[in-house]
């Protein structure tokens, strides 16, 4: 039995448009969602996360938590965790830090370099693949679960088609 995947593609040609796309995506997210962010170094994963966080009212800077592994954000009633697993050598390291405790129904988890935590971290509801071609970024949003598909083909798709 093959699992159905819903896909939506977006394009960003400036940092501002990448943040704006992240903001639109953030407005479609609900508690308990896990998002994987895939892309090469410099693709724009953290910049996209800045837009997601802004959708929840964050106005400060957003840095990739490369050395701390996770940066928590409590924004109103919503908790978001931004992970960067780039420096993880072995997924067991994540077990020692208690990573499973972050994947709770009240939180939204954004994970950069999720392949470094394979077998330990929760599976994604939505997978975002950012491909950089010179100054243009192509963003592929893949709904991997029922919840993820409803985000990608539902609220987020509506927001993108309206160009809000």
N, C-alpha and C. Protein backbone atom coordinates (compact mmCIF):
# COMPACT_ATOMS: atom_id res chain seq x y z
N UNK A 1 0.83 -1.18 0.00
CA UNK A 1 0.00 0.00 0.00
C UNK A 1 0.88 1.24 0.00
N UNK A 2 0.67 2.11 -0.99
CA UNK A 2 1.46 3.31 -1.10
C UNK A 2 0.75 4.46 -0.39
N UNK A 3 1.51 5.25 0.36
CA UNK A 3 0.96 6.39 1.07
C UNK A 3 0.84 7.56 0.12
N UNK A 4 -0.26 8.26 0.19
CA UNK A 4 -0.49 9.43 -0.64
C UNK A 4 0.31 10.61 -0.08
N UNK A 5 0.95 11.34 -0.99
CA UNK A 5 1.70 12.53 -0.59
C UNK A 5 1.13 13.71 -1.36
N UNK A 6 0.87 14.78 -0.67
CA UNK A 6 0.40 16.01 -1.28
C UNK A 6 1.58 16.94 -1.43
N UNK A 7 1.73 17.56 -2.61
CA UNK A 7 2.87 18.44 -2.85
C UNK A 7 2.40 19.80 -3.33
N UNK A 8 3.08 20.83 -2.86
CA UNK A 8 2.83 22.19 -3.27
C UNK A 8 4.20 22.83 -3.49
N UNK A 9 4.35 23.60 -4.55
CA UNK A 9 5.63 24.22 -4.87
C UNK A 9 5.51 25.73 -4.81
N UNK A 10 6.51 26.36 -4.18
CA UNK A 10 6.60 27.81 -4.12
C UNK A 10 7.97 28.26 -4.57
N UNK A 11 8.08 29.55 -4.89
CA UNK A 11 9.35 30.12 -5.34
C UNK A 11 9.61 31.40 -4.56
N UNK A 12 10.86 31.58 -4.15
CA UNK A 12 11.27 32.82 -3.48
C UNK A 12 12.52 33.33 -4.19
N UNK A 13 12.52 34.61 -4.54
CA UNK A 13 13.67 35.17 -5.25
C UNK A 13 14.44 36.20 -4.42
N UNK A 14 13.95 36.49 -3.21
CA UNK A 14 14.65 37.39 -2.30
C UNK A 14 14.53 36.84 -0.89
N UNK A 15 15.36 37.36 0.00
CA UNK A 15 15.24 36.95 1.41
C UNK A 15 13.86 37.33 1.94
N UNK A 16 13.38 38.51 1.58
CA UNK A 16 12.07 38.97 2.05
C UNK A 16 10.95 38.04 1.57
N UNK A 17 11.05 37.57 0.33
CA UNK A 17 9.99 36.68 -0.18
C UNK A 17 10.06 35.30 0.49
N UNK A 18 11.26 34.88 0.88
CA UNK A 18 11.41 33.62 1.60
C UNK A 18 10.82 33.73 3.01
N UNK A 19 11.07 34.85 3.68
CA UNK A 19 10.47 35.10 5.00
C UNK A 19 8.95 35.17 4.88
N UNK A 20 8.47 35.86 3.84
CA UNK A 20 7.02 35.99 3.64
C UNK A 20 6.36 34.63 3.41
N UNK A 21 7.02 33.77 2.65
CA UNK A 21 6.50 32.43 2.42
C UNK A 21 6.47 31.63 3.72
N UNK A 22 7.52 31.78 4.54
CA UNK A 22 7.55 31.14 5.86
C UNK A 22 6.42 31.64 6.74
N UNK A 23 6.13 32.92 6.66
CA UNK A 23 5.05 33.51 7.44
C UNK A 23 3.70 32.92 7.02
N UNK A 24 3.47 32.82 5.72
CA UNK A 24 2.22 32.23 5.22
C UNK A 24 2.08 30.78 5.67
N UNK A 25 3.19 30.04 5.60
CA UNK A 25 3.18 28.65 6.03
C UNK A 25 2.90 28.57 7.53
N UNK A 26 3.54 29.43 8.30
CA UNK A 26 3.33 29.45 9.75
C UNK A 26 1.89 29.68 10.11
N UNK A 27 1.20 30.53 9.37
CA UNK A 27 -0.21 30.82 9.65
C UNK A 27 -1.10 29.60 9.43
N UNK A 28 -0.62 28.64 8.68
CA UNK A 28 -1.39 27.42 8.42
C UNK A 28 -1.09 26.31 9.43
N UNK A 29 -0.07 26.50 10.28
CA UNK A 29 0.34 25.44 11.21
C UNK A 29 -0.51 25.42 12.47
N UNK A 30 -0.62 24.22 13.02
CA UNK A 30 -1.35 24.02 14.27
C UNK A 30 -0.45 23.24 15.23
N UNK A 31 -0.79 23.27 16.49
CA UNK A 31 -0.02 22.55 17.51
C UNK A 31 0.13 21.08 17.14
N UNK A 32 1.27 20.52 17.52
CA UNK A 32 1.52 19.10 17.31
C UNK A 32 2.14 18.76 15.97
N UNK A 33 2.42 19.76 15.14
CA UNK A 33 2.97 19.52 13.80
C UNK A 33 4.49 19.43 13.85
N UNK A 34 5.03 18.48 13.09
CA UNK A 34 6.47 18.31 12.94
C UNK A 34 6.81 18.62 11.48
N UNK A 35 7.77 19.55 11.29
CA UNK A 35 8.17 19.97 9.95
C UNK A 35 9.67 19.71 9.78
N UNK A 36 10.01 18.96 8.74
CA UNK A 36 11.41 18.76 8.38
C UNK A 36 11.77 19.80 7.34
N UNK A 37 12.94 20.43 7.50
CA UNK A 37 13.46 21.40 6.54
C UNK A 37 14.72 20.82 5.92
N UNK A 38 14.66 20.55 4.62
CA UNK A 38 15.78 19.94 3.91
C UNK A 38 16.37 20.96 2.96
N UNK A 39 17.68 20.92 2.78
CA UNK A 39 18.35 21.81 1.84
C UNK A 39 19.82 21.93 2.19
N UNK A 40 20.60 22.30 1.20
CA UNK A 40 22.03 22.48 1.41
C UNK A 40 22.32 23.63 2.36
N UNK A 41 23.55 23.73 2.82
CA UNK A 41 23.98 24.88 3.61
C UNK A 41 23.70 26.15 2.80
N UNK A 42 23.11 27.14 3.46
CA UNK A 42 22.83 28.40 2.78
C UNK A 42 21.58 28.39 1.92
N UNK A 43 20.81 27.32 1.96
CA UNK A 43 19.60 27.23 1.14
C UNK A 43 18.50 28.17 1.62
N UNK A 44 18.50 28.49 2.92
CA UNK A 44 17.48 29.39 3.45
C UNK A 44 16.57 28.77 4.49
N UNK A 45 16.98 27.66 5.08
CA UNK A 45 16.13 26.97 6.07
C UNK A 45 15.86 27.86 7.28
N UNK A 46 16.89 28.49 7.82
CA UNK A 46 16.72 29.34 9.00
C UNK A 46 15.94 30.61 8.65
N UNK A 47 16.18 31.16 7.48
CA UNK A 47 15.43 32.34 7.03
C UNK A 47 13.95 32.00 6.92
N UNK A 48 13.64 30.84 6.38
CA UNK A 48 12.25 30.39 6.29
C UNK A 48 11.66 30.26 7.70
N UNK A 49 12.42 29.69 8.62
CA UNK A 49 11.95 29.55 10.01
C UNK A 49 11.65 30.90 10.63
N UNK A 50 12.42 31.92 10.28
CA UNK A 50 12.16 33.26 10.79
C UNK A 50 10.74 33.70 10.41
N UNK A 51 10.35 33.43 9.16
CA UNK A 51 9.00 33.76 8.72
C UNK A 51 7.94 32.98 9.47
N UNK A 52 8.19 31.70 9.72
CA UNK A 52 7.23 30.89 10.49
C UNK A 52 7.06 31.48 11.88
N UNK A 53 8.17 31.81 12.52
CA UNK A 53 8.11 32.37 13.87
C UNK A 53 7.41 33.73 13.89
N UNK A 54 7.61 34.52 12.86
CA UNK A 54 6.93 35.81 12.77
C UNK A 54 5.42 35.64 12.69
N UNK A 55 4.97 34.55 12.08
CA UNK A 55 3.52 34.29 12.00
C UNK A 55 2.91 34.14 13.39
N UNK A 56 3.73 33.79 14.37
CA UNK A 56 3.26 33.61 15.74
C UNK A 56 3.60 34.81 16.63
N UNK A 57 4.11 35.88 16.01
CA UNK A 57 4.35 37.11 16.74
C UNK A 57 5.79 37.38 17.13
N UNK A 58 6.73 36.52 16.73
CA UNK A 58 8.14 36.75 17.07
C UNK A 58 8.67 37.91 16.23
N UNK A 59 9.36 38.85 16.89
CA UNK A 59 9.89 40.00 16.16
C UNK A 59 11.41 40.12 16.27
N UNK A 60 12.02 39.25 17.03
CA UNK A 60 13.47 39.31 17.21
C UNK A 60 14.21 38.56 16.11
N UNK A 61 15.52 38.49 16.28
CA UNK A 61 16.33 37.77 15.31
C UNK A 61 16.14 36.26 15.50
N UNK A 62 16.46 35.52 14.48
CA UNK A 62 16.39 34.06 14.53
C UNK A 62 17.73 33.53 14.03
N UNK A 63 18.42 32.85 14.91
CA UNK A 63 19.71 32.25 14.54
C UNK A 63 19.55 30.75 14.52
N UNK A 64 20.31 30.12 13.66
CA UNK A 64 20.27 28.66 13.61
C UNK A 64 20.90 28.11 14.89
N UNK A 65 20.17 27.23 15.59
CA UNK A 65 20.72 26.68 16.84
C UNK A 65 21.72 25.54 16.59
N UNK A 66 22.73 25.84 15.77
CA UNK A 66 23.71 24.81 15.38
C UNK A 66 24.45 24.23 16.58
N UNK A 67 24.80 25.06 17.55
CA UNK A 67 25.57 24.57 18.70
C UNK A 67 24.71 24.17 19.87
N UNK A 68 23.56 24.80 20.02
CA UNK A 68 22.67 24.46 21.14
C UNK A 68 21.68 23.37 20.76
N UNK A 69 21.58 23.05 19.49
CA UNK A 69 20.68 22.04 18.90
C UNK A 69 19.21 22.45 18.87
N UNK A 70 18.74 23.17 19.87
CA UNK A 70 17.33 23.56 19.89
C UNK A 70 17.18 24.96 20.49
N UNK A 71 16.29 25.72 19.89
CA UNK A 71 15.94 27.04 20.41
C UNK A 71 14.43 27.05 20.64
N UNK A 72 14.00 27.18 21.91
CA UNK A 72 12.56 27.21 22.19
C UNK A 72 12.00 28.62 22.05
N UNK A 73 10.78 28.71 21.57
CA UNK A 73 10.08 29.98 21.45
C UNK A 73 8.69 29.81 22.06
N UNK A 74 8.37 30.61 23.06
CA UNK A 74 7.03 30.62 23.64
C UNK A 74 6.38 31.91 23.18
N UNK A 75 5.47 31.77 22.23
CA UNK A 75 4.85 32.93 21.60
C UNK A 75 3.35 32.88 21.84
N UNK A 76 2.91 33.66 22.80
CA UNK A 76 1.51 33.61 23.20
C UNK A 76 1.22 32.24 23.80
N UNK A 77 0.22 31.58 23.27
CA UNK A 77 -0.14 30.24 23.76
C UNK A 77 0.58 29.14 22.99
N UNK A 78 1.37 29.51 21.99
CA UNK A 78 2.03 28.51 21.14
C UNK A 78 3.50 28.35 21.50
N UNK A 79 3.95 27.10 21.60
CA UNK A 79 5.36 26.78 21.80
C UNK A 79 5.90 26.21 20.50
N UNK A 80 7.02 26.76 20.05
CA UNK A 80 7.70 26.26 18.86
C UNK A 80 9.13 25.90 19.24
N UNK A 81 9.62 24.80 18.69
CA UNK A 81 11.01 24.40 18.89
C UNK A 81 11.69 24.37 17.53
N UNK A 82 12.79 25.10 17.43
CA UNK A 82 13.57 25.16 16.20
C UNK A 82 14.85 24.36 16.44
N UNK A 83 14.99 23.25 15.75
CA UNK A 83 16.15 22.37 15.90
C UNK A 83 17.09 22.52 14.70
N UNK A 84 18.37 22.42 14.96
CA UNK A 84 19.38 22.31 13.91
C UNK A 84 20.27 21.14 14.29
N UNK A 85 20.14 20.06 13.58
CA UNK A 85 20.87 18.83 13.93
C UNK A 85 22.14 18.64 13.12
N UNK A 86 22.60 19.70 12.45
CA UNK A 86 23.76 19.62 11.56
C UNK A 86 24.99 19.00 12.22
N UNK A 87 25.26 19.35 13.46
CA UNK A 87 26.47 18.89 14.13
C UNK A 87 26.32 17.57 14.88
N UNK A 88 25.17 16.95 14.79
CA UNK A 88 24.95 15.66 15.47
C UNK A 88 25.70 14.57 14.71
N UNK A 89 26.60 13.88 15.41
CA UNK A 89 27.38 12.81 14.79
C UNK A 89 26.65 11.47 14.86
N UNK A 90 25.88 11.27 15.93
CA UNK A 90 25.19 10.00 16.15
C UNK A 90 23.82 10.32 16.74
N UNK A 91 22.75 9.74 16.20
CA UNK A 91 21.40 10.02 16.73
C UNK A 91 21.25 9.74 18.23
N UNK A 92 22.10 8.86 18.76
CA UNK A 92 22.05 8.57 20.20
C UNK A 92 22.30 9.81 21.04
N UNK A 93 23.06 10.78 20.50
CA UNK A 93 23.31 12.03 21.21
C UNK A 93 21.99 12.71 21.55
N UNK A 94 21.03 12.58 20.65
CA UNK A 94 19.72 13.21 20.84
C UNK A 94 18.94 12.55 21.96
N UNK A 95 19.14 11.26 22.12
CA UNK A 95 18.49 10.54 23.22
C UNK A 95 18.98 11.09 24.57
N UNK A 96 20.29 11.38 24.66
CA UNK A 96 20.86 11.90 25.90
C UNK A 96 20.30 13.27 26.26
N UNK A 97 19.96 14.06 25.24
CA UNK A 97 19.42 15.40 25.52
C UNK A 97 17.91 15.36 25.75
N UNK A 98 17.30 14.18 25.61
CA UNK A 98 15.87 14.04 25.85
C UNK A 98 15.01 14.61 24.75
N UNK A 99 15.44 14.43 23.50
CA UNK A 99 14.75 15.07 22.38
C UNK A 99 13.28 14.64 22.25
N UNK A 100 12.97 13.44 22.63
CA UNK A 100 11.58 12.97 22.48
C UNK A 100 10.59 13.80 23.32
N UNK A 101 11.09 14.42 24.37
CA UNK A 101 10.24 15.24 25.24
C UNK A 101 9.75 16.51 24.57
N UNK A 102 10.38 16.90 23.47
CA UNK A 102 9.98 18.11 22.75
C UNK A 102 8.78 17.85 21.83
N UNK A 103 8.59 16.63 21.42
CA UNK A 103 7.53 16.29 20.47
C UNK A 103 6.23 16.02 21.22
N UNK A 104 5.62 17.10 21.67
CA UNK A 104 4.39 17.01 22.45
C UNK A 104 3.25 17.66 21.65
N UNK A 105 2.01 17.29 21.95
CA UNK A 105 0.87 17.82 21.19
C UNK A 105 0.73 19.35 21.21
N UNK A 106 1.31 20.00 22.21
CA UNK A 106 1.18 21.46 22.33
C UNK A 106 2.20 22.21 21.48
N UNK A 107 3.21 21.52 20.97
CA UNK A 107 4.33 22.20 20.31
C UNK A 107 4.33 22.02 18.80
N UNK A 108 4.98 22.96 18.13
CA UNK A 108 5.31 22.85 16.72
C UNK A 108 6.82 22.68 16.67
N UNK A 109 7.28 21.66 15.96
CA UNK A 109 8.72 21.39 15.87
C UNK A 109 9.21 21.59 14.44
N UNK A 110 10.21 22.44 14.29
CA UNK A 110 10.84 22.73 13.01
C UNK A 110 12.25 22.16 13.07
N UNK A 111 12.58 21.23 12.18
CA UNK A 111 13.87 20.54 12.26
C UNK A 111 14.70 20.70 11.00
N UNK A 112 15.86 21.36 11.16
CA UNK A 112 16.83 21.43 10.08
C UNK A 112 17.76 20.22 10.20
N UNK A 113 18.17 19.68 9.09
CA UNK A 113 19.05 18.51 9.02
C UNK A 113 18.45 17.30 9.75
N UNK A 114 17.20 16.98 9.49
CA UNK A 114 16.54 15.89 10.22
C UNK A 114 17.16 14.51 9.99
N UNK A 115 17.84 14.32 8.87
CA UNK A 115 18.45 13.02 8.60
C UNK A 115 19.48 12.66 9.66
N UNK A 116 20.01 13.63 10.38
CA UNK A 116 20.99 13.38 11.45
C UNK A 116 20.34 12.74 12.68
N UNK A 117 19.02 12.81 12.76
CA UNK A 117 18.31 12.25 13.91
C UNK A 117 17.44 11.05 13.55
N UNK A 118 17.71 10.47 12.40
CA UNK A 118 16.90 9.35 11.91
C UNK A 118 16.80 8.23 12.95
N UNK A 119 15.58 7.78 13.16
CA UNK A 119 15.34 6.70 14.10
C UNK A 119 15.07 7.18 15.52
N UNK A 120 15.31 8.47 15.78
CA UNK A 120 15.13 9.00 17.13
C UNK A 120 14.05 10.09 17.15
N UNK A 121 14.04 10.93 16.12
CA UNK A 121 13.07 12.02 16.09
C UNK A 121 11.75 11.56 15.48
N UNK A 122 10.71 12.33 15.74
CA UNK A 122 9.39 12.02 15.21
C UNK A 122 9.39 12.16 13.68
N UNK A 123 8.52 11.40 13.05
CA UNK A 123 8.37 11.50 11.60
C UNK A 123 7.69 12.83 11.26
N UNK A 124 7.93 13.36 10.05
CA UNK A 124 7.36 14.66 9.72
C UNK A 124 5.90 14.59 9.28
N UNK A 125 5.18 15.65 9.61
CA UNK A 125 3.86 15.85 9.02
C UNK A 125 4.04 16.52 7.67
N UNK A 126 4.97 17.48 7.63
CA UNK A 126 5.31 18.19 6.40
C UNK A 126 6.82 18.18 6.24
N UNK A 127 7.25 17.91 5.01
CA UNK A 127 8.66 18.00 4.67
C UNK A 127 8.82 19.13 3.67
N UNK A 128 9.72 20.04 3.96
CA UNK A 128 10.02 21.15 3.06
C UNK A 128 11.41 20.92 2.48
N UNK A 129 11.48 20.92 1.16
CA UNK A 129 12.76 20.77 0.47
C UNK A 129 13.04 22.08 -0.24
N UNK A 130 14.15 22.73 0.15
CA UNK A 130 14.53 24.00 -0.46
C UNK A 130 15.71 23.75 -1.40
N UNK A 131 15.51 24.09 -2.66
CA UNK A 131 16.57 23.94 -3.66
C UNK A 131 16.96 25.34 -4.13
N UNK A 132 18.25 25.64 -4.01
CA UNK A 132 18.75 26.97 -4.39
C UNK A 132 19.39 26.89 -5.77
N UNK A 133 18.91 27.75 -6.66
CA UNK A 133 19.45 27.86 -8.01
C UNK A 133 19.81 29.33 -8.23
N UNK A 134 21.09 29.66 -8.05
CA UNK A 134 21.57 31.04 -8.09
C UNK A 134 20.81 31.83 -7.04
N UNK A 135 20.01 32.82 -7.42
CA UNK A 135 19.29 33.64 -6.43
C UNK A 135 17.87 33.16 -6.19
N UNK A 136 17.43 32.17 -6.92
CA UNK A 136 16.06 31.67 -6.81
C UNK A 136 16.04 30.42 -5.92
N UNK A 137 15.04 30.37 -5.06
CA UNK A 137 14.84 29.18 -4.23
C UNK A 137 13.51 28.55 -4.60
N UNK A 138 13.55 27.26 -4.86
CA UNK A 138 12.34 26.49 -5.14
C UNK A 138 12.01 25.72 -3.88
N UNK A 139 10.80 25.87 -3.38
CA UNK A 139 10.38 25.23 -2.14
C UNK A 139 9.30 24.20 -2.45
N UNK A 140 9.58 22.97 -2.08
CA UNK A 140 8.60 21.88 -2.27
C UNK A 140 8.08 21.48 -0.89
N UNK A 141 6.78 21.66 -0.70
CA UNK A 141 6.11 21.30 0.55
C UNK A 141 5.42 19.96 0.33
N UNK A 142 5.82 18.96 1.10
CA UNK A 142 5.27 17.61 0.96
C UNK A 142 4.49 17.24 2.21
N UNK A 143 3.21 17.01 2.06
CA UNK A 143 2.38 16.54 3.17
C UNK A 143 2.60 15.05 3.34
N UNK A 144 3.19 14.64 4.45
CA UNK A 144 3.55 13.23 4.67
C UNK A 144 2.55 12.46 5.53
N UNK A 145 1.71 13.16 6.27
CA UNK A 145 0.69 12.52 7.10
C UNK A 145 -0.65 13.15 6.76
N UNK A 146 -1.71 12.61 7.31
CA UNK A 146 -3.03 13.20 7.08
C UNK A 146 -3.04 14.67 7.52
N UNK A 147 -2.47 14.93 8.68
CA UNK A 147 -2.39 16.30 9.19
C UNK A 147 -1.57 17.17 8.24
N UNK A 148 -0.43 16.65 7.80
CA UNK A 148 0.43 17.39 6.89
C UNK A 148 -0.23 17.66 5.55
N UNK A 149 -0.93 16.66 5.03
CA UNK A 149 -1.64 16.85 3.76
C UNK A 149 -2.72 17.92 3.89
N UNK A 150 -3.41 17.94 5.04
CA UNK A 150 -4.46 18.95 5.22
C UNK A 150 -3.86 20.35 5.31
N UNK A 151 -2.66 20.48 5.84
CA UNK A 151 -1.98 21.78 5.89
C UNK A 151 -1.58 22.21 4.47
N UNK A 152 -0.90 21.30 3.77
CA UNK A 152 -0.36 21.64 2.45
C UNK A 152 -1.48 21.88 1.43
N UNK A 153 -2.46 21.01 1.38
CA UNK A 153 -3.50 21.19 0.36
C UNK A 153 -4.67 22.03 0.86
N UNK A 154 -4.69 22.33 2.14
CA UNK A 154 -5.78 23.11 2.72
C UNK A 154 -5.42 24.56 2.91
N UNK A 155 -5.24 24.94 4.16
CA UNK A 155 -5.05 26.34 4.53
C UNK A 155 -3.85 26.99 3.81
N UNK A 156 -2.72 26.32 3.76
CA UNK A 156 -1.54 26.92 3.15
C UNK A 156 -1.75 27.12 1.65
N UNK A 157 -2.32 26.12 1.00
CA UNK A 157 -2.60 26.22 -0.43
C UNK A 157 -3.55 27.39 -0.72
N UNK A 158 -4.56 27.55 0.12
CA UNK A 158 -5.50 28.66 -0.05
C UNK A 158 -4.80 30.00 0.11
N UNK A 159 -3.92 30.08 1.10
CA UNK A 159 -3.20 31.33 1.36
C UNK A 159 -2.27 31.65 0.18
N UNK A 160 -1.62 30.65 -0.37
CA UNK A 160 -0.72 30.88 -1.50
C UNK A 160 -1.50 31.30 -2.74
N UNK A 161 -2.63 30.69 -2.99
CA UNK A 161 -3.40 31.02 -4.19
C UNK A 161 -4.01 32.41 -4.12
N UNK A 162 -4.27 32.89 -2.89
CA UNK A 162 -4.81 34.24 -2.72
C UNK A 162 -3.69 35.28 -2.73
N UNK A 163 -2.46 34.80 -2.52
CA UNK A 163 -1.32 35.72 -2.48
C UNK A 163 -1.36 36.67 -1.31
N UNK A 164 -1.90 36.19 -0.20
CA UNK A 164 -2.03 37.03 0.99
C UNK A 164 -0.68 37.42 1.55
